[in-house]
């Protein structure tokens, strides 16, 4: 999560990641169809939805050699755009053809090698973690974005990504597409810090393998009330996993941000506001920047 993401992992591994470099050749010509760009040219077999076998973990298992394909940057941006806008067959928790519990590490590396500008893989305990940098179309985000892919026993375990300012992942579209969530969590503080009011809303679908974290950027405090307002656009973080694998928010945070649960206050929306989950769904399934969650300051700690 961008505000409290894998800071421990990133602080150790990101300098290594950024030290990588890639030389790109001249532009490729005569590009094929969208389907060919996204799938055919990657030349991987389509994984079965019901794998017949699961690789056994071994201490001597080698990490794959991860190399980005020598595709000019402007073509990588176009591939990312196509994934974001036209890859309709891949619904969450699938991301760009990579599905938790289905896609193997080698298959994911092959898929990501074309849009990525940098890739780096590390093994931490029994988990293989693939860091990927992708260039974004400017209308979605003004700079490159980092994705993190977790692999366990050679299969995709979970995915943490930020899709930029993409309307597909705005709060109303998420609610309309996936329905009323199982849980809605809020994190905030009782006062501003450095002129900013943190207000984040986590929409959790454990049975679908989806967690969406929206920062409500127009939050403010008036008197003894905190107003959590999303504003016109949000740039959410998505955490995707095999449906049913995680049942508690704390389980997710223990993987992607073990320190977050310690210093950030997380409370259920129905415990700190007058919104039930059903009321939350009714309020936000039609996106309106004037819609806000209200909660009292005495329910929240001071910022660290």
C-alpha atoms as a PDB file:
ATOM      1  CA  UNK A   1       0.000   0.000   0.000  1.00  0.00           C
ATOM      2  CA  UNK A   2       1.512   3.273  -1.063  1.00  0.00           C
ATOM      3  CA  UNK A   3       1.103   5.093   2.243  1.00  0.00           C
ATOM      4  CA  UNK A   4       2.213   2.263   4.467  1.00  0.00           C
ATOM      5  CA  UNK A   5       3.441  -0.368   2.032  1.00  0.00           C
ATOM      6  CA  UNK A   6       6.307  -2.850   2.224  1.00  0.00           C
ATOM      7  CA  UNK A   7       8.599  -0.244   3.742  1.00  0.00           C
ATOM      8  CA  UNK A   8      10.841  -2.853   5.357  1.00  0.00           C
ATOM      9  CA  UNK A   9      11.192  -4.858   2.166  1.00  0.00           C
ATOM     10  CA  UNK A  10      11.462  -1.795  -0.031  1.00  0.00           C
ATOM     11  CA  UNK A  11      14.134  -0.131   2.102  1.00  0.00           C
ATOM     12  CA  UNK A  12      16.306  -3.224   1.783  1.00  0.00           C
ATOM     13  CA  UNK A  13      15.592  -4.309  -1.779  1.00  0.00           C
ATOM     14  CA  UNK A  14      14.631  -1.205  -3.743  1.00  0.00           C
ATOM     15  CA  UNK A  15      18.188   0.203  -3.920  1.00  0.00           C
ATOM     16  CA  UNK A  16      19.221  -3.062  -5.549  1.00  0.00           C
ATOM     17  CA  UNK A  17      16.235  -2.851  -7.846  1.00  0.00           C
ATOM     18  CA  UNK A  18      17.003   0.680  -8.981  1.00  0.00           C
ATOM     19  CA  UNK A  19      20.619  -0.214  -9.630  1.00  0.00           C
ATOM     20  CA  UNK A  20      19.530  -2.370 -12.572  1.00  0.00           C
ATOM     21  CA  UNK A  21      19.646  -0.943 -16.094  1.00  0.00           C
ATOM     22  CA  UNK A  22      18.358  -1.971 -19.492  1.00  0.00           C
ATOM     23  CA  UNK A  23      19.495  -1.078 -23.000  1.00  0.00           C
ATOM     24  CA  UNK A  24      16.634  -0.790 -25.441  1.00  0.00           C
ATOM     25  CA  UNK A  25      17.020  -1.313 -29.205  1.00  0.00           C
ATOM     26  CA  UNK A  26      15.261   0.543 -31.993  1.00  0.00           C
ATOM     27  CA  UNK A  27      11.452   0.494 -32.123  1.00  0.00           C
ATOM     28  CA  UNK A  28       9.760  -2.661 -33.282  1.00  0.00           C
ATOM     29  CA  UNK A  29       7.590  -2.218 -36.361  1.00  0.00           C
ATOM     30  CA  UNK A  30       4.334  -3.723 -37.647  1.00  0.00           C
ATOM     31  CA  UNK A  31       2.730  -4.324 -34.290  1.00  0.00           C
ATOM     32  CA  UNK A  32       0.041  -7.059 -34.262  1.00  0.00           C
ATOM     33  CA  UNK A  33      -3.429  -6.978 -32.732  1.00  0.00           C
ATOM     34  CA  UNK A  34      -4.184  -6.215 -29.085  1.00  0.00           C
ATOM     35  CA  UNK A  35      -4.539  -9.910 -28.333  1.00  0.00           C
ATOM     36  CA  UNK A  36      -1.212 -10.676 -29.924  1.00  0.00           C
ATOM     37  CA  UNK A  37       0.527  -7.875 -28.063  1.00  0.00           C
ATOM     38  CA  UNK A  38      -0.865  -8.925 -24.704  1.00  0.00           C
ATOM     39  CA  UNK A  39      -0.667 -12.684 -25.025  1.00  0.00           C
ATOM     40  CA  UNK A  40       0.460 -14.309 -28.270  1.00  0.00           C
ATOM     41  CA  UNK A  41       3.843 -12.609 -28.551  1.00  0.00           C
ATOM     42  CA  UNK A  42       4.695 -13.528 -24.992  1.00  0.00           C
ATOM     43  CA  UNK A  43       4.574 -17.147 -26.110  1.00  0.00           C
ATOM     44  CA  UNK A  44       3.574 -18.834 -22.873  1.00  0.00           C
ATOM     45  CA  UNK A  45       1.099 -21.598 -22.301  1.00  0.00           C
ATOM     46  CA  UNK A  46      -2.204 -20.525 -20.756  1.00  0.00           C
ATOM     47  CA  UNK A  47      -2.327 -21.865 -17.198  1.00  0.00           C
ATOM     48  CA  UNK A  48      -5.211 -24.125 -16.262  1.00  0.00           C
ATOM     49  CA  UNK A  49      -7.799 -22.827 -13.843  1.00  0.00           C
ATOM     50  CA  UNK A  50      -7.455 -26.123 -12.016  1.00  0.00           C
ATOM     51  CA  UNK A  51      -3.769 -27.080 -11.889  1.00  0.00           C
ATOM     52  CA  UNK A  52      -3.270 -30.836 -11.799  1.00  0.00           C
ATOM     53  CA  UNK A  53      -0.153 -30.667  -9.687  1.00  0.00           C
ATOM     54  CA  UNK A  54       1.619 -28.320  -7.328  1.00  0.00           C
ATOM     55  CA  UNK A  55       5.425 -28.126  -7.394  1.00  0.00           C
ATOM     56  CA  UNK A  56       7.072 -29.288  -4.197  1.00  0.00           C
ATOM     57  CA  UNK A  57       9.219 -26.697  -2.424  1.00  0.00           C
ATOM     58  CA  UNK A  58      12.924 -27.437  -2.245  1.00  0.00           C
ATOM     59  CA  UNK A  59      15.748 -25.537  -0.635  1.00  0.00           C
ATOM     60  CA  UNK A  60      17.782 -25.819  -3.837  1.00  0.00           C
ATOM     61  CA  UNK A  61      15.103 -24.378  -6.127  1.00  0.00           C
ATOM     62  CA  UNK A  62      16.715 -21.756  -8.334  1.00  0.00           C
ATOM     63  CA  UNK A  63      15.305 -18.311  -8.931  1.00  0.00           C
ATOM     64  CA  UNK A  64      14.598 -17.603 -12.608  1.00  0.00           C
ATOM     65  CA  UNK A  65      16.686 -15.181 -14.595  1.00  0.00           C
ATOM     66  CA  UNK A  66      14.474 -12.095 -14.880  1.00  0.00           C
ATOM     67  CA  UNK A  67      15.188  -9.902 -17.875  1.00  0.00           C
ATOM     68  CA  UNK A  68      12.991  -7.233 -19.405  1.00  0.00           C
ATOM     69  CA  UNK A  69      12.418  -7.642 -23.115  1.00  0.00           C
ATOM     70  CA  UNK A  70      14.205  -5.066 -25.303  1.00  0.00           C
ATOM     71  CA  UNK A  71      11.099  -3.162 -26.323  1.00  0.00           C
ATOM     72  CA  UNK A  72      11.235   0.640 -26.698  1.00  0.00           C
ATOM     73  CA  UNK A  73       9.687   2.554 -23.847  1.00  0.00           C
ATOM     74  CA  UNK A  74       6.857   4.042 -25.913  1.00  0.00           C
ATOM     75  CA  UNK A  75       5.760   0.537 -26.847  1.00  0.00           C
ATOM     76  CA  UNK A  76       5.899  -0.560 -23.225  1.00  0.00           C
ATOM     77  CA  UNK A  77       3.629   2.357 -22.325  1.00  0.00           C
ATOM     78  CA  UNK A  78       1.219   1.244 -25.047  1.00  0.00           C
ATOM     79  CA  UNK A  79       1.214  -2.326 -23.734  1.00  0.00           C
ATOM     80  CA  UNK A  80       0.404  -1.033 -20.241  1.00  0.00           C
ATOM     81  CA  UNK A  81      -2.417   1.076 -21.683  1.00  0.00           C
ATOM     82  CA  UNK A  82      -3.870  -1.939 -23.459  1.00  0.00           C
ATOM     83  CA  UNK A  83      -3.750  -3.988 -20.283  1.00  0.00           C
ATOM     84  CA  UNK A  84      -5.433  -1.225 -18.279  1.00  0.00           C
ATOM     85  CA  UNK A  85      -8.150  -0.503 -20.832  1.00  0.00           C
ATOM     86  CA  UNK A  86      -8.778  -3.588 -22.953  1.00  0.00           C
ATOM     87  CA  UNK A  87      -7.831  -6.717 -21.008  1.00  0.00           C
ATOM     88  CA  UNK A  88     -11.460  -7.397 -20.058  1.00  0.00           C
ATOM     89  CA  UNK A  89     -11.042 -11.171 -19.837  1.00  0.00           C
ATOM     90  CA  UNK A  90      -8.868 -10.790 -16.748  1.00  0.00           C
ATOM     91  CA  UNK A  91     -11.085  -9.781 -13.826  1.00  0.00           C
ATOM     92  CA  UNK A  92      -9.698  -9.247 -10.327  1.00  0.00           C
ATOM     93  CA  UNK A  93      -7.952 -11.003  -8.660  1.00  0.00           C
ATOM     94  CA  UNK A  94      -6.418 -11.734 -12.073  1.00  0.00           C
ATOM     95  CA  UNK A  95      -4.018  -8.965 -13.093  1.00  0.00           C
ATOM     96  CA  UNK A  96      -2.615  -8.752 -16.631  1.00  0.00           C
ATOM     97  CA  UNK A  97      -3.114 -12.482 -17.130  1.00  0.00           C
ATOM     98  CA  UNK A  98      -1.535 -13.399 -13.784  1.00  0.00           C
ATOM     99  CA  UNK A  99      -3.889 -15.175 -11.369  1.00  0.00           C
ATOM    100  CA  UNK A 100      -3.055 -15.970  -7.727  1.00  0.00           C
ATOM    101  CA  UNK A 101      -2.995 -19.704  -7.118  1.00  0.00           C
ATOM    102  CA  UNK A 102      -2.802 -20.446 -10.859  1.00  0.00           C
ATOM    103  CA  UNK A 103       0.046 -18.654 -12.641  1.00  0.00           C
ATOM    104  CA  UNK A 104       3.566 -19.968 -12.092  1.00  0.00           C
ATOM    105  CA  UNK A 105       6.578 -17.799 -11.381  1.00  0.00           C
ATOM    106  CA  UNK A 106       8.123 -18.451 -14.798  1.00  0.00           C
ATOM    107  CA  UNK A 107       4.855 -17.658 -16.572  1.00  0.00           C
ATOM    108  CA  UNK A 108       4.490 -14.399 -14.639  1.00  0.00           C
ATOM    109  CA  UNK A 109       8.071 -13.383 -15.466  1.00  0.00           C
ATOM    110  CA  UNK A 110       7.421 -13.972 -19.172  1.00  0.00           C
ATOM    111  CA  UNK A 111       4.193 -11.958 -19.088  1.00  0.00           C
ATOM    112  CA  UNK A 112       5.761  -9.039 -17.232  1.00  0.00           C
ATOM    113  CA  UNK A 113       9.031  -8.949 -19.170  1.00  0.00           C
ATOM    114  CA  UNK A 114       7.425  -7.091 -22.074  1.00  0.00           C
ATOM    115  CA  UNK A 115       5.834  -4.081 -20.287  1.00  0.00           C
ATOM    116  CA  UNK A 116       8.429  -3.859 -17.491  1.00  0.00           C
ATOM    117  CA  UNK A 117      11.327  -1.427 -17.582  1.00  0.00           C
ATOM    118  CA  UNK A 118      12.975  -3.029 -14.551  1.00  0.00           C
ATOM    119  CA  UNK A 119      12.519  -6.350 -12.753  1.00  0.00           C
ATOM    120  CA  UNK A 120      14.271  -7.765  -9.716  1.00  0.00           C
ATOM    121  CA  UNK A 121      13.548 -10.958  -7.786  1.00  0.00           C
ATOM    122  CA  UNK A 122      14.577 -11.919  -4.261  1.00  0.00           C
ATOM    123  CA  UNK A 123      13.860 -14.807  -1.931  1.00  0.00           C
ATOM    124  CA  UNK A 124      12.845 -13.940   1.611  1.00  0.00           C
ATOM    125  CA  UNK A 125      12.344 -17.002   3.768  1.00  0.00           C
ATOM    126  CA  UNK A 126      10.231 -19.305   1.568  1.00  0.00           C
ATOM    127  CA  UNK A 127       8.651 -16.502  -0.458  1.00  0.00           C
ATOM    128  CA  UNK A 128       9.939 -15.336  -3.842  1.00  0.00           C
ATOM    129  CA  UNK A 129       9.211 -11.628  -4.330  1.00  0.00           C
ATOM    130  CA  UNK A 130       9.310 -10.040  -7.766  1.00  0.00           C
ATOM    131  CA  UNK A 131       9.591  -6.252  -7.965  1.00  0.00           C
ATOM    132  CA  UNK A 132       8.476  -4.795 -11.286  1.00  0.00           C
ATOM    133  CA  UNK A 133       8.654  -1.226 -12.559  1.00  0.00           C
ATOM    134  CA  UNK A 134       6.253  -0.324 -15.363  1.00  0.00           C
ATOM    135  CA  UNK A 135       5.852   2.927 -17.311  1.00  0.00           C
ATOM    136  CA  UNK A 136       2.377   4.412 -17.066  1.00  0.00           C
ATOM    137  CA  UNK A 137       0.407   6.334 -19.681  1.00  0.00           C
ATOM    138  CA  UNK A 138       0.556   9.928 -18.515  1.00  0.00           C
ATOM    139  CA  UNK A 139      -3.224  10.213 -18.175  1.00  0.00           C
ATOM    140  CA  UNK A 140      -3.133   7.523 -15.485  1.00  0.00           C
ATOM    141  CA  UNK A 141       0.021   8.500 -13.638  1.00  0.00           C
ATOM    142  CA  UNK A 142       2.864  10.947 -14.392  1.00  0.00           C
ATOM    143  CA  UNK A 143       5.674   8.504 -13.616  1.00  0.00           C
ATOM    144  CA  UNK A 144       6.555   4.827 -13.448  1.00  0.00           C
ATOM    145  CA  UNK A 145       4.761   2.653 -10.898  1.00  0.00           C
ATOM    146  CA  UNK A 146       6.070  -0.320  -8.936  1.00  0.00           C
ATOM    147  CA  UNK A 147       4.256  -3.640  -8.662  1.00  0.00           C
ATOM    148  CA  UNK A 148       5.105  -6.423  -6.218  1.00  0.00           C
ATOM    149  CA  UNK A 149       4.371 -10.082  -6.941  1.00  0.00           C
ATOM    150  CA  UNK A 150       4.653 -12.724  -4.216  1.00  0.00           C
ATOM    151  CA  UNK A 151       5.237 -16.392  -5.085  1.00  0.00           C
ATOM    152  CA  UNK A 152       4.993 -19.404  -2.814  1.00  0.00           C
ATOM    153  CA  UNK A 153       5.919 -22.900  -3.948  1.00  0.00           C
ATOM    154  CA  UNK A 154       6.413 -21.542  -7.490  1.00  0.00           C
ATOM    155  CA  UNK A 155       2.815 -20.267  -7.789  1.00  0.00           C
ATOM    156  CA  UNK A 156       1.572 -16.704  -7.636  1.00  0.00           C
ATOM    157  CA  UNK A 157       0.588 -16.136  -4.023  1.00  0.00           C
ATOM    158  CA  UNK A 158      -0.541 -12.504  -4.148  1.00  0.00           C
ATOM    159  CA  UNK A 159      -0.079  -9.254  -6.034  1.00  0.00           C
ATOM    160  CA  UNK A 160       0.244  -5.669  -4.828  1.00  0.00           C
ATOM    161  CA  UNK A 161      -0.198  -2.990  -7.469  1.00  0.00           C
ATOM    162  CA  UNK A 162      -1.346   0.573  -8.070  1.00  0.00           C
ATOM    163  CA  UNK A 163      -3.308   1.144 -11.308  1.00  0.00           C
ATOM    164  CA  UNK A 164      -3.004   4.922 -11.199  1.00  0.00           C
ATOM    165  CA  UNK A 165      -5.936   7.267 -11.721  1.00  0.00           C
ATOM    166  CA  UNK A 166      -7.984   4.756 -13.642  1.00  0.00           C
ATOM    167  CA  UNK A 167     -11.760   5.128 -13.480  1.00  0.00           C
ATOM    168  CA  UNK A 168     -12.157   1.341 -13.601  1.00  0.00           C
ATOM    169  CA  UNK A 169     -10.827   1.138 -10.035  1.00  0.00           C
ATOM    170  CA  UNK A 170     -12.595   4.146  -8.563  1.00  0.00           C
ATOM    171  CA  UNK A 171     -14.630   3.274  -5.534  1.00  0.00           C
ATOM    172  CA  UNK A 172     -18.033   3.343  -7.267  1.00  0.00           C
ATOM    173  CA  UNK A 173     -16.917   1.052 -10.091  1.00  0.00           C
ATOM    174  CA  UNK A 174     -15.373  -1.438  -7.672  1.00  0.00           C
ATOM    175  CA  UNK A 175     -18.614  -1.558  -5.685  1.00  0.00           C
ATOM    176  CA  UNK A 176     -20.791  -1.858  -8.783  1.00  0.00           C
ATOM    177  CA  UNK A 177     -18.667  -4.636 -10.264  1.00  0.00           C
ATOM    178  CA  UNK A 178     -18.007  -6.723  -7.147  1.00  0.00           C
ATOM    179  CA  UNK A 179     -20.985  -5.840  -4.974  1.00  0.00           C
ATOM    180  CA  UNK A 180     -21.203  -5.005  -1.305  1.00  0.00           C
ATOM    181  CA  UNK A 181     -17.902  -5.885   0.419  1.00  0.00           C
ATOM    182  CA  UNK A 182     -17.554  -8.204   3.368  1.00  0.00           C
ATOM    183  CA  UNK A 183     -15.664  -5.590   5.366  1.00  0.00           C
ATOM    184  CA  UNK A 184     -14.928  -1.867   5.183  1.00  0.00           C
ATOM    185  CA  UNK A 185     -12.116  -0.431   7.307  1.00  0.00           C
ATOM    186  CA  UNK A 186     -11.100   3.143   8.021  1.00  0.00           C
ATOM    187  CA  UNK A 187      -7.816   4.597   9.227  1.00  0.00           C
ATOM    188  CA  UNK A 188      -7.350   8.237  10.240  1.00  0.00           C
ATOM    189  CA  UNK A 189      -6.074  10.427  13.068  1.00  0.00           C
ATOM    190  CA  UNK A 190      -7.726  13.016  15.290  1.00  0.00           C
ATOM    191  CA  UNK A 191      -5.734  15.933  13.890  1.00  0.00           C
ATOM    192  CA  UNK A 192      -3.794  16.997  10.851  1.00  0.00           C
ATOM    193  CA  UNK A 193      -0.124  16.304  10.439  1.00  0.00           C
ATOM    194  CA  UNK A 194       1.910  18.782   8.426  1.00  0.00           C
ATOM    195  CA  UNK A 195      -1.288  20.318   7.099  1.00  0.00           C
ATOM    196  CA  UNK A 196      -2.684  17.017   5.842  1.00  0.00           C
ATOM    197  CA  UNK A 197      -5.573  14.844   7.062  1.00  0.00           C
ATOM    198  CA  UNK A 198      -4.912  11.165   6.484  1.00  0.00           C
ATOM    199  CA  UNK A 199      -8.076   9.243   5.705  1.00  0.00           C
ATOM    200  CA  UNK A 200      -7.919   5.844   4.069  1.00  0.00           C
ATOM    201  CA  UNK A 201     -10.732   3.384   3.337  1.00  0.00           C
ATOM    202  CA  UNK A 202     -10.071  -0.314   2.777  1.00  0.00           C
ATOM    203  CA  UNK A 203     -12.697  -2.353   0.936  1.00  0.00           C
ATOM    204  CA  UNK A 204     -12.146  -6.058   1.630  1.00  0.00           C
ATOM    205  CA  UNK A 205     -13.546  -9.015  -0.320  1.00  0.00           C
ATOM    206  CA  UNK A 206     -11.767 -12.029   1.224  1.00  0.00           C
ATOM    207  CA  UNK A 207     -14.027 -14.501  -0.578  1.00  0.00           C
ATOM    208  CA  UNK A 208     -13.039 -12.936  -3.935  1.00  0.00           C
ATOM    209  CA  UNK A 209      -9.361 -12.395  -3.177  1.00  0.00           C
ATOM    210  CA  UNK A 210      -9.569  -8.586  -3.440  1.00  0.00           C
ATOM    211  CA  UNK A 211      -8.515  -5.747  -1.157  1.00  0.00           C
ATOM    212  CA  UNK A 212      -8.796  -2.158  -2.408  1.00  0.00           C
ATOM    213  CA  UNK A 213      -7.275   0.717  -0.456  1.00  0.00           C
ATOM    214  CA  UNK A 214      -8.504   4.207  -1.363  1.00  0.00           C
ATOM    215  CA  UNK A 215      -6.972   7.352   0.054  1.00  0.00           C
ATOM    216  CA  UNK A 216      -9.686   9.987   0.510  1.00  0.00           C
ATOM    217  CA  UNK A 217      -7.645  12.997  -0.498  1.00  0.00           C
ATOM    218  CA  UNK A 218     -10.184  15.697   0.362  1.00  0.00           C
ATOM    219  CA  UNK A 219     -10.570  14.656   3.983  1.00  0.00           C
ATOM    220  CA  UNK A 220     -10.681  17.438   6.549  1.00  0.00           C
ATOM    221  CA  UNK A 221     -11.433  18.064  10.221  1.00  0.00           C
ATOM    222  CA  UNK A 222     -14.032  20.529  11.426  1.00  0.00           C
ATOM    223  CA  UNK A 223     -14.552  20.844  15.148  1.00  0.00           C
ATOM    224  CA  UNK A 224     -14.847  17.378  16.650  1.00  0.00           C
ATOM    225  CA  UNK A 225     -15.708  15.683  13.331  1.00  0.00           C
ATOM    226  CA  UNK A 226     -13.490  14.154  10.677  1.00  0.00           C
ATOM    227  CA  UNK A 227     -14.924  14.251   7.167  1.00  0.00           C
ATOM    228  CA  UNK A 228     -13.557  11.510   4.923  1.00  0.00           C
ATOM    229  CA  UNK A 229     -14.255  12.695   1.360  1.00  0.00           C
ATOM    230  CA  UNK A 230     -12.735  10.903  -1.635  1.00  0.00           C
ATOM    231  CA  UNK A 231     -12.596  13.857  -3.964  1.00  0.00           C
ATOM    232  CA  UNK A 232     -12.799  13.672  -7.720  1.00  0.00           C
ATOM    233  CA  UNK A 233     -10.259  10.878  -8.251  1.00  0.00           C
ATOM    234  CA  UNK A 234      -8.417   8.381  -6.106  1.00  0.00           C
ATOM    235  CA  UNK A 235      -5.372   6.329  -6.974  1.00  0.00           C
ATOM    236  CA  UNK A 236      -6.081   3.083  -5.106  1.00  0.00           C
ATOM    237  CA  UNK A 237      -3.749   0.310  -4.090  1.00  0.00           C
ATOM    238  CA  UNK A 238      -4.911  -3.195  -4.966  1.00  0.00           C
ATOM    239  CA  UNK A 239      -3.893  -6.319  -3.105  1.00  0.00           C
ATOM    240  CA  UNK A 240      -4.985  -9.504  -4.870  1.00  0.00           C
ATOM    241  CA  UNK A 241      -4.782 -13.064  -3.597  1.00  0.00           C
ATOM    242  CA  UNK A 242      -6.265 -16.520  -4.016  1.00  0.00           C
ATOM    243  CA  UNK A 243      -9.950 -16.285  -2.989  1.00  0.00           C
ATOM    244  CA  UNK A 244     -10.460 -17.349   0.603  1.00  0.00           C
ATOM    245  CA  UNK A 245      -6.746 -17.489   1.457  1.00  0.00           C
ATOM    246  CA  UNK A 246      -6.882 -14.428   3.721  1.00  0.00           C
ATOM    247  CA  UNK A 247      -9.907 -13.966   5.951  1.00  0.00           C
ATOM    248  CA  UNK A 248      -8.689 -11.164   8.212  1.00  0.00           C
ATOM    249  CA  UNK A 249      -7.226  -7.757   7.381  1.00  0.00           C
ATOM    250  CA  UNK A 250      -4.415  -8.363   9.849  1.00  0.00           C
ATOM    251  CA  UNK A 251      -3.347 -11.434   7.856  1.00  0.00           C
ATOM    252  CA  UNK A 252      -2.964  -9.315   4.716  1.00  0.00           C
ATOM    253  CA  UNK A 253      -1.032  -6.570   6.481  1.00  0.00           C
ATOM    254  CA  UNK A 254       1.309  -9.080   8.087  1.00  0.00           C
ATOM    255  CA  UNK A 255       2.530  -9.920   4.588  1.00  0.00           C
ATOM    256  CA  UNK A 256       2.554  -6.609   2.743  1.00  0.00           C
ATOM    257  CA  UNK A 257       3.184  -4.239   5.655  1.00  0.00           C
ATOM    258  CA  UNK A 258       3.916  -5.902   8.989  1.00  0.00           C
ATOM    259  CA  UNK A 259       4.578  -2.574  10.692  1.00  0.00           C
ATOM    260  CA  UNK A 260       1.341  -0.914   9.545  1.00  0.00           C
ATOM    261  CA  UNK A 261      -0.947  -2.720  11.969  1.00  0.00           C
ATOM    262  CA  UNK A 262       1.223  -1.455  14.820  1.00  0.00           C
ATOM    263  CA  UNK A 263       1.306   2.274  14.129  1.00  0.00           C
ATOM    264  CA  UNK A 264      -1.820   2.872  12.027  1.00  0.00           C
ATOM    265  CA  UNK A 265      -5.269   2.646  13.633  1.00  0.00           C
ATOM    266  CA  UNK A 266      -7.683   0.424  11.679  1.00  0.00           C
ATOM    267  CA  UNK A 267     -11.330   0.339  12.671  1.00  0.00           C
ATOM    268  CA  UNK A 268     -14.443  -1.024  11.004  1.00  0.00           C
ATOM    269  CA  UNK A 269     -16.568   1.650   9.381  1.00  0.00           C
ATOM    270  CA  UNK A 270     -19.683   0.573  11.290  1.00  0.00           C
ATOM    271  CA  UNK A 271     -17.825   0.970  14.599  1.00  0.00           C
ATOM    272  CA  UNK A 272     -16.703   4.565  14.006  1.00  0.00           C
ATOM    273  CA  UNK A 273     -19.473   6.096  11.882  1.00  0.00           C
ATOM    274  CA  UNK A 274     -23.205   5.854  11.313  1.00  0.00           C
ATOM    275  CA  UNK A 275     -22.623   3.759   8.185  1.00  0.00           C
ATOM    276  CA  UNK A 276     -23.282   0.053   8.038  1.00  0.00           C
ATOM    277  CA  UNK A 277     -21.642  -1.791   5.158  1.00  0.00           C
ATOM    278  CA  UNK A 278     -24.942  -1.702   3.284  1.00  0.00           C
ATOM    279  CA  UNK A 279     -25.226   2.051   3.832  1.00  0.00           C
ATOM    280  CA  UNK A 280     -21.613   2.512   2.764  1.00  0.00           C
ATOM    281  CA  UNK A 281     -22.376   0.595  -0.424  1.00  0.00           C
ATOM    282  CA  UNK A 282     -25.466   2.697  -1.122  1.00  0.00           C
ATOM    283  CA  UNK A 283     -23.566   5.938  -0.509  1.00  0.00           C
ATOM    284  CA  UNK A 284     -20.544   5.225  -2.694  1.00  0.00           C
ATOM    285  CA  UNK A 285     -21.759   2.952  -5.488  1.00  0.00           C
ATOM    286  CA  UNK A 286     -22.588   6.107  -7.428  1.00  0.00           C
ATOM    287  CA  UNK A 287     -19.399   8.097  -7.320  1.00  0.00           C
ATOM    288  CA  UNK A 288     -19.815  11.624  -6.041  1.00  0.00           C
ATOM    289  CA  UNK A 289     -17.003  13.754  -4.728  1.00  0.00           C
ATOM    290  CA  UNK A 290     -19.385  15.382  -2.237  1.00  0.00           C
ATOM    291  CA  UNK A 291     -20.023  12.065  -0.445  1.00  0.00           C
ATOM    292  CA  UNK A 292     -18.147  11.752   2.848  1.00  0.00           C
ATOM    293  CA  UNK A 293     -17.762   9.427   5.805  1.00  0.00           C
ATOM    294  CA  UNK A 294     -18.033  11.266   9.117  1.00  0.00           C
ATOM    295  CA  UNK A 295     -16.410  10.086  12.322  1.00  0.00           C
ATOM    296  CA  UNK A 296     -15.640  11.726  15.655  1.00  0.00           C
ATOM    297  CA  UNK A 297     -12.108  12.799  16.572  1.00  0.00           C
ATOM    298  CA  UNK A 298     -12.314  11.226  20.047  1.00  0.00           C
ATOM    299  CA  UNK A 299     -12.427   7.776  18.398  1.00  0.00           C
ATOM    300  CA  UNK A 300      -8.952   8.210  16.902  1.00  0.00           C
ATOM    301  CA  UNK A 301      -5.416   8.659  18.239  1.00  0.00           C
ATOM    302  CA  UNK A 302      -3.035  11.513  17.543  1.00  0.00           C
ATOM    303  CA  UNK A 303      -0.743  11.082  14.527  1.00  0.00           C
ATOM    304  CA  UNK A 304       2.704   9.654  15.220  1.00  0.00           C
END
